[in-house]
């Protein structure tokens, strides 16, 4: 639904709701990353999650405020590229 993000990022939207929602999904999404990258310490995966979710919310807000000009928010491609790039660097895997 195109109206859901518009409401969330409007002046009447509840930013804390978005953060609570992201926290609710944190254990599930980190477990998905652990399955995909079992060699990476959970602490590093958590760092990636925190960084990516903060940036994702900002990208989504920007996309909505611009009138959602693209059929898919840019955060989808950027998040996948960030995950792949960050986890492909051996120095990022160490604790």
N, C-alpha and C. Protein backbone atom coordinates (compact mmCIF):
# COMPACT_ATOMS: atom_id res chain seq x y z
N UNK A 1 0.84 -1.18 0.00
CA UNK A 1 0.00 0.00 0.00
C UNK A 1 0.89 1.24 0.00
N UNK A 2 0.71 2.11 -0.97
CA UNK A 2 1.53 3.31 -1.10
C UNK A 2 1.28 4.31 0.03
N UNK A 3 0.16 4.25 0.68
CA UNK A 3 -0.17 5.25 1.70
C UNK A 3 0.48 4.96 3.04
N UNK A 4 0.79 3.70 3.30
CA UNK A 4 1.39 3.33 4.59
C UNK A 4 2.70 4.08 4.85
N UNK A 5 3.68 4.05 3.92
CA UNK A 5 4.91 4.81 4.20
C UNK A 5 4.67 6.31 4.26
N UNK A 6 3.72 6.81 3.49
CA UNK A 6 3.44 8.24 3.52
C UNK A 6 2.95 8.67 4.90
N UNK A 7 2.12 7.84 5.51
CA UNK A 7 1.62 8.14 6.85
C UNK A 7 2.74 8.04 7.87
N UNK A 8 3.54 6.99 7.79
CA UNK A 8 4.63 6.79 8.75
C UNK A 8 5.63 7.94 8.76
N UNK A 9 5.92 8.48 7.57
CA UNK A 9 6.94 9.53 7.47
C UNK A 9 6.35 10.93 7.39
N UNK A 10 5.06 11.05 7.61
CA UNK A 10 4.44 12.37 7.61
C UNK A 10 4.74 13.07 8.94
N UNK A 11 4.36 14.32 9.02
CA UNK A 11 4.55 15.06 10.27
C UNK A 11 3.75 14.45 11.41
N UNK A 12 2.72 13.69 11.08
CA UNK A 12 1.89 13.04 12.10
C UNK A 12 2.35 11.61 12.41
N UNK A 13 3.36 11.15 11.70
CA UNK A 13 3.85 9.79 11.90
C UNK A 13 4.59 9.65 13.23
N UNK A 14 4.67 8.45 13.71
CA UNK A 14 5.31 8.15 14.99
C UNK A 14 6.68 7.52 14.71
N UNK A 15 7.74 8.34 14.83
CA UNK A 15 9.10 7.84 14.57
C UNK A 15 9.49 6.74 15.56
N UNK A 16 9.03 6.84 16.78
CA UNK A 16 9.34 5.80 17.76
C UNK A 16 8.73 4.47 17.36
N UNK A 17 7.57 4.51 16.71
CA UNK A 17 6.96 3.28 16.23
C UNK A 17 7.90 2.58 15.25
N UNK A 18 8.48 3.34 14.34
CA UNK A 18 9.41 2.76 13.36
C UNK A 18 10.60 2.12 14.05
N UNK A 19 11.13 2.78 15.06
CA UNK A 19 12.28 2.21 15.77
C UNK A 19 11.88 0.98 16.57
N UNK A 20 10.70 1.00 17.17
CA UNK A 20 10.23 -0.19 17.89
C UNK A 20 10.02 -1.35 16.92
N UNK A 21 9.51 -1.04 15.74
CA UNK A 21 9.30 -2.07 14.73
C UNK A 21 10.63 -2.69 14.31
N UNK A 22 11.64 -1.85 14.09
CA UNK A 22 12.95 -2.36 13.71
C UNK A 22 13.55 -3.22 14.84
N UNK A 23 13.35 -2.82 16.06
CA UNK A 23 13.85 -3.61 17.20
C UNK A 23 13.13 -4.94 17.31
N UNK A 24 11.85 -4.94 16.97
CA UNK A 24 11.07 -6.18 17.03
C UNK A 24 11.62 -7.21 16.04
N UNK A 25 12.05 -6.74 14.88
CA UNK A 25 12.57 -7.63 13.85
C UNK A 25 14.05 -7.95 14.01
N UNK A 26 14.73 -7.26 14.91
CA UNK A 26 16.18 -7.44 15.06
C UNK A 26 16.59 -8.90 15.26
N UNK A 27 16.05 -9.63 16.23
CA UNK A 27 16.50 -11.02 16.43
C UNK A 27 16.30 -11.89 15.19
N UNK A 28 15.18 -11.73 14.53
CA UNK A 28 14.91 -12.54 13.34
C UNK A 28 15.90 -12.21 12.22
N UNK A 29 16.09 -10.94 11.95
CA UNK A 29 16.97 -10.55 10.85
C UNK A 29 18.43 -10.90 11.13
N UNK A 30 18.86 -10.76 12.36
CA UNK A 30 20.23 -11.15 12.70
C UNK A 30 20.39 -12.67 12.57
N UNK A 31 19.37 -13.42 12.95
CA UNK A 31 19.46 -14.88 12.78
C UNK A 31 19.53 -15.25 11.30
N UNK A 32 18.84 -14.50 10.45
CA UNK A 32 18.93 -14.73 9.01
C UNK A 32 20.35 -14.44 8.49
N UNK A 33 20.94 -13.37 9.00
CA UNK A 33 22.33 -13.06 8.62
C UNK A 33 23.28 -14.15 9.13
N UNK A 34 23.02 -14.67 10.33
CA UNK A 34 23.88 -15.74 10.87
C UNK A 34 23.81 -16.99 10.00
N UNK A 35 22.64 -17.30 9.49
CA UNK A 35 22.51 -18.46 8.61
C UNK A 35 23.25 -18.24 7.29
N UNK A 36 23.20 -17.03 6.80
CA UNK A 36 23.84 -16.70 5.53
C UNK A 36 25.35 -16.58 5.67
N UNK A 37 25.81 -16.05 6.84
CA UNK A 37 27.24 -15.83 7.08
C UNK A 37 27.63 -16.46 8.43
N UNK A 38 27.66 -17.78 8.52
CA UNK A 38 27.94 -18.43 9.81
C UNK A 38 29.34 -18.14 10.36
N UNK A 39 30.27 -17.75 9.49
CA UNK A 39 31.64 -17.47 9.94
C UNK A 39 31.80 -16.09 10.56
N UNK A 40 30.80 -15.25 10.44
CA UNK A 40 30.88 -13.88 10.95
C UNK A 40 30.36 -13.83 12.38
N UNK A 41 31.14 -13.24 13.29
CA UNK A 41 30.67 -13.14 14.68
C UNK A 41 29.37 -12.34 14.77
N UNK A 42 28.50 -12.76 15.68
CA UNK A 42 27.20 -12.11 15.83
C UNK A 42 27.35 -10.62 16.15
N UNK A 43 28.40 -10.25 16.84
CA UNK A 43 28.63 -8.83 17.15
C UNK A 43 28.77 -8.02 15.86
N UNK A 44 29.48 -8.56 14.89
CA UNK A 44 29.66 -7.86 13.60
C UNK A 44 28.34 -7.79 12.83
N UNK A 45 27.59 -8.87 12.88
CA UNK A 45 26.29 -8.86 12.21
C UNK A 45 25.34 -7.86 12.85
N UNK A 46 25.45 -7.73 14.16
CA UNK A 46 24.63 -6.75 14.87
C UNK A 46 25.02 -5.33 14.47
N UNK A 47 26.32 -5.08 14.35
CA UNK A 47 26.78 -3.76 13.89
C UNK A 47 26.21 -3.45 12.50
N UNK A 48 26.28 -4.43 11.62
CA UNK A 48 25.75 -4.25 10.27
C UNK A 48 24.26 -3.95 10.32
N UNK A 49 23.53 -4.69 11.14
CA UNK A 49 22.09 -4.48 11.26
C UNK A 49 21.76 -3.07 11.75
N UNK A 50 22.43 -2.64 12.80
CA UNK A 50 22.18 -1.32 13.38
C UNK A 50 22.48 -0.22 12.35
N UNK A 51 23.62 -0.34 11.69
CA UNK A 51 24.01 0.65 10.70
C UNK A 51 23.01 0.67 9.53
N UNK A 52 22.68 -0.49 9.03
CA UNK A 52 21.80 -0.59 7.86
C UNK A 52 20.38 -0.12 8.16
N UNK A 53 19.87 -0.44 9.34
CA UNK A 53 18.51 -0.02 9.65
C UNK A 53 18.42 1.49 9.84
N UNK A 54 19.43 2.09 10.44
CA UNK A 54 19.43 3.55 10.59
C UNK A 54 19.43 4.23 9.24
N UNK A 55 20.29 3.77 8.36
CA UNK A 55 20.36 4.35 7.02
C UNK A 55 19.12 4.03 6.20
N UNK A 56 18.58 2.85 6.38
CA UNK A 56 17.38 2.46 5.63
C UNK A 56 16.20 3.37 5.95
N UNK A 57 16.02 3.67 7.22
CA UNK A 57 14.91 4.55 7.59
C UNK A 57 15.09 5.93 6.96
N UNK A 58 16.30 6.43 6.93
CA UNK A 58 16.56 7.74 6.32
C UNK A 58 16.31 7.70 4.82
N UNK A 59 16.74 6.64 4.15
CA UNK A 59 16.50 6.50 2.71
C UNK A 59 15.01 6.39 2.41
N UNK A 60 14.30 5.61 3.21
CA UNK A 60 12.85 5.48 3.01
C UNK A 60 12.15 6.82 3.19
N UNK A 61 12.54 7.54 4.22
CA UNK A 61 11.92 8.85 4.47
C UNK A 61 12.17 9.78 3.29
N UNK A 62 13.39 9.80 2.77
CA UNK A 62 13.72 10.65 1.63
C UNK A 62 12.90 10.25 0.41
N UNK A 63 12.78 8.97 0.16
CA UNK A 63 12.02 8.45 -0.98
C UNK A 63 10.56 8.87 -0.88
N UNK A 64 9.98 8.75 0.32
CA UNK A 64 8.57 9.12 0.53
C UNK A 64 8.39 10.62 0.34
N UNK A 65 9.28 11.41 0.93
CA UNK A 65 9.16 12.88 0.83
C UNK A 65 9.30 13.37 -0.61
N UNK A 66 9.99 12.61 -1.46
CA UNK A 66 10.13 12.97 -2.88
C UNK A 66 8.95 12.47 -3.71
N UNK A 67 7.97 11.86 -3.04
CA UNK A 67 6.78 11.39 -3.74
C UNK A 67 6.90 9.98 -4.30
N UNK A 68 7.83 9.20 -3.77
CA UNK A 68 8.05 7.81 -4.18
C UNK A 68 8.17 7.69 -5.70
N UNK A 69 9.15 8.41 -6.29
CA UNK A 69 9.28 8.45 -7.74
C UNK A 69 9.67 7.13 -8.39
N UNK A 70 10.30 6.27 -7.65
CA UNK A 70 10.72 4.96 -8.17
C UNK A 70 9.73 3.91 -7.67
N UNK A 71 9.50 2.84 -8.44
CA UNK A 71 8.55 1.82 -7.99
C UNK A 71 9.02 1.08 -6.73
N UNK A 72 10.32 1.04 -6.53
CA UNK A 72 10.89 0.37 -5.36
C UNK A 72 11.84 1.36 -4.69
N UNK A 73 11.78 1.45 -3.37
CA UNK A 73 12.69 2.39 -2.72
C UNK A 73 14.15 2.03 -2.96
N UNK A 74 15.03 3.03 -3.08
CA UNK A 74 16.44 2.75 -3.33
C UNK A 74 17.10 1.94 -2.23
N UNK A 75 16.51 1.91 -1.06
CA UNK A 75 17.10 1.19 0.07
C UNK A 75 17.24 -0.30 -0.22
N UNK A 76 16.40 -0.84 -1.06
CA UNK A 76 16.45 -2.28 -1.36
C UNK A 76 17.78 -2.64 -2.01
N UNK A 77 18.16 -1.93 -3.06
CA UNK A 77 19.42 -2.21 -3.75
C UNK A 77 20.62 -1.83 -2.90
N UNK A 78 20.54 -0.69 -2.24
CA UNK A 78 21.67 -0.21 -1.45
C UNK A 78 21.96 -1.16 -0.28
N UNK A 79 20.93 -1.64 0.39
CA UNK A 79 21.13 -2.56 1.52
C UNK A 79 21.80 -3.85 1.08
N UNK A 80 21.37 -4.40 -0.03
CA UNK A 80 21.97 -5.64 -0.52
C UNK A 80 23.43 -5.42 -0.89
N UNK A 81 23.71 -4.29 -1.54
CA UNK A 81 25.10 -3.99 -1.92
C UNK A 81 25.97 -3.77 -0.69
N UNK A 82 25.45 -3.07 0.30
CA UNK A 82 26.20 -2.81 1.53
C UNK A 82 26.53 -4.11 2.25
N UNK A 83 25.56 -4.97 2.39
CA UNK A 83 25.77 -6.26 3.06
C UNK A 83 26.86 -7.05 2.35
N UNK A 84 26.74 -7.16 1.05
CA UNK A 84 27.70 -7.93 0.28
C UNK A 84 29.11 -7.33 0.36
N UNK A 85 29.21 -6.03 0.20
CA UNK A 85 30.51 -5.36 0.24
C UNK A 85 31.14 -5.46 1.62
N UNK A 86 30.39 -5.15 2.64
CA UNK A 86 30.93 -5.10 4.00
C UNK A 86 31.38 -6.48 4.45
N UNK A 87 30.57 -7.49 4.17
CA UNK A 87 30.91 -8.84 4.64
C UNK A 87 31.93 -9.54 3.75
N UNK A 88 32.24 -8.96 2.61
CA UNK A 88 33.26 -9.57 1.76
C UNK A 88 34.68 -9.13 2.15
N UNK A 89 34.78 -8.18 3.06
CA UNK A 89 36.08 -7.68 3.50
C UNK A 89 36.54 -8.46 4.74
N UNK A 90 37.62 -9.23 4.64
CA UNK A 90 38.06 -10.07 5.76
C UNK A 90 38.28 -9.29 7.06
N UNK A 91 38.77 -8.07 6.96
CA UNK A 91 39.01 -7.29 8.19
C UNK A 91 37.72 -6.96 8.93
N UNK A 92 36.59 -7.01 8.27
CA UNK A 92 35.30 -6.75 8.93
C UNK A 92 34.76 -7.97 9.64
N UNK A 93 35.38 -9.12 9.43
CA UNK A 93 34.90 -10.34 10.04
C UNK A 93 35.50 -10.60 11.41
N UNK A 94 36.59 -9.94 11.72
CA UNK A 94 37.26 -10.16 13.00
C UNK A 94 36.48 -9.49 14.13
N UNK A 95 36.62 -10.05 15.31
CA UNK A 95 35.95 -9.44 16.47
C UNK A 95 36.77 -8.35 17.06
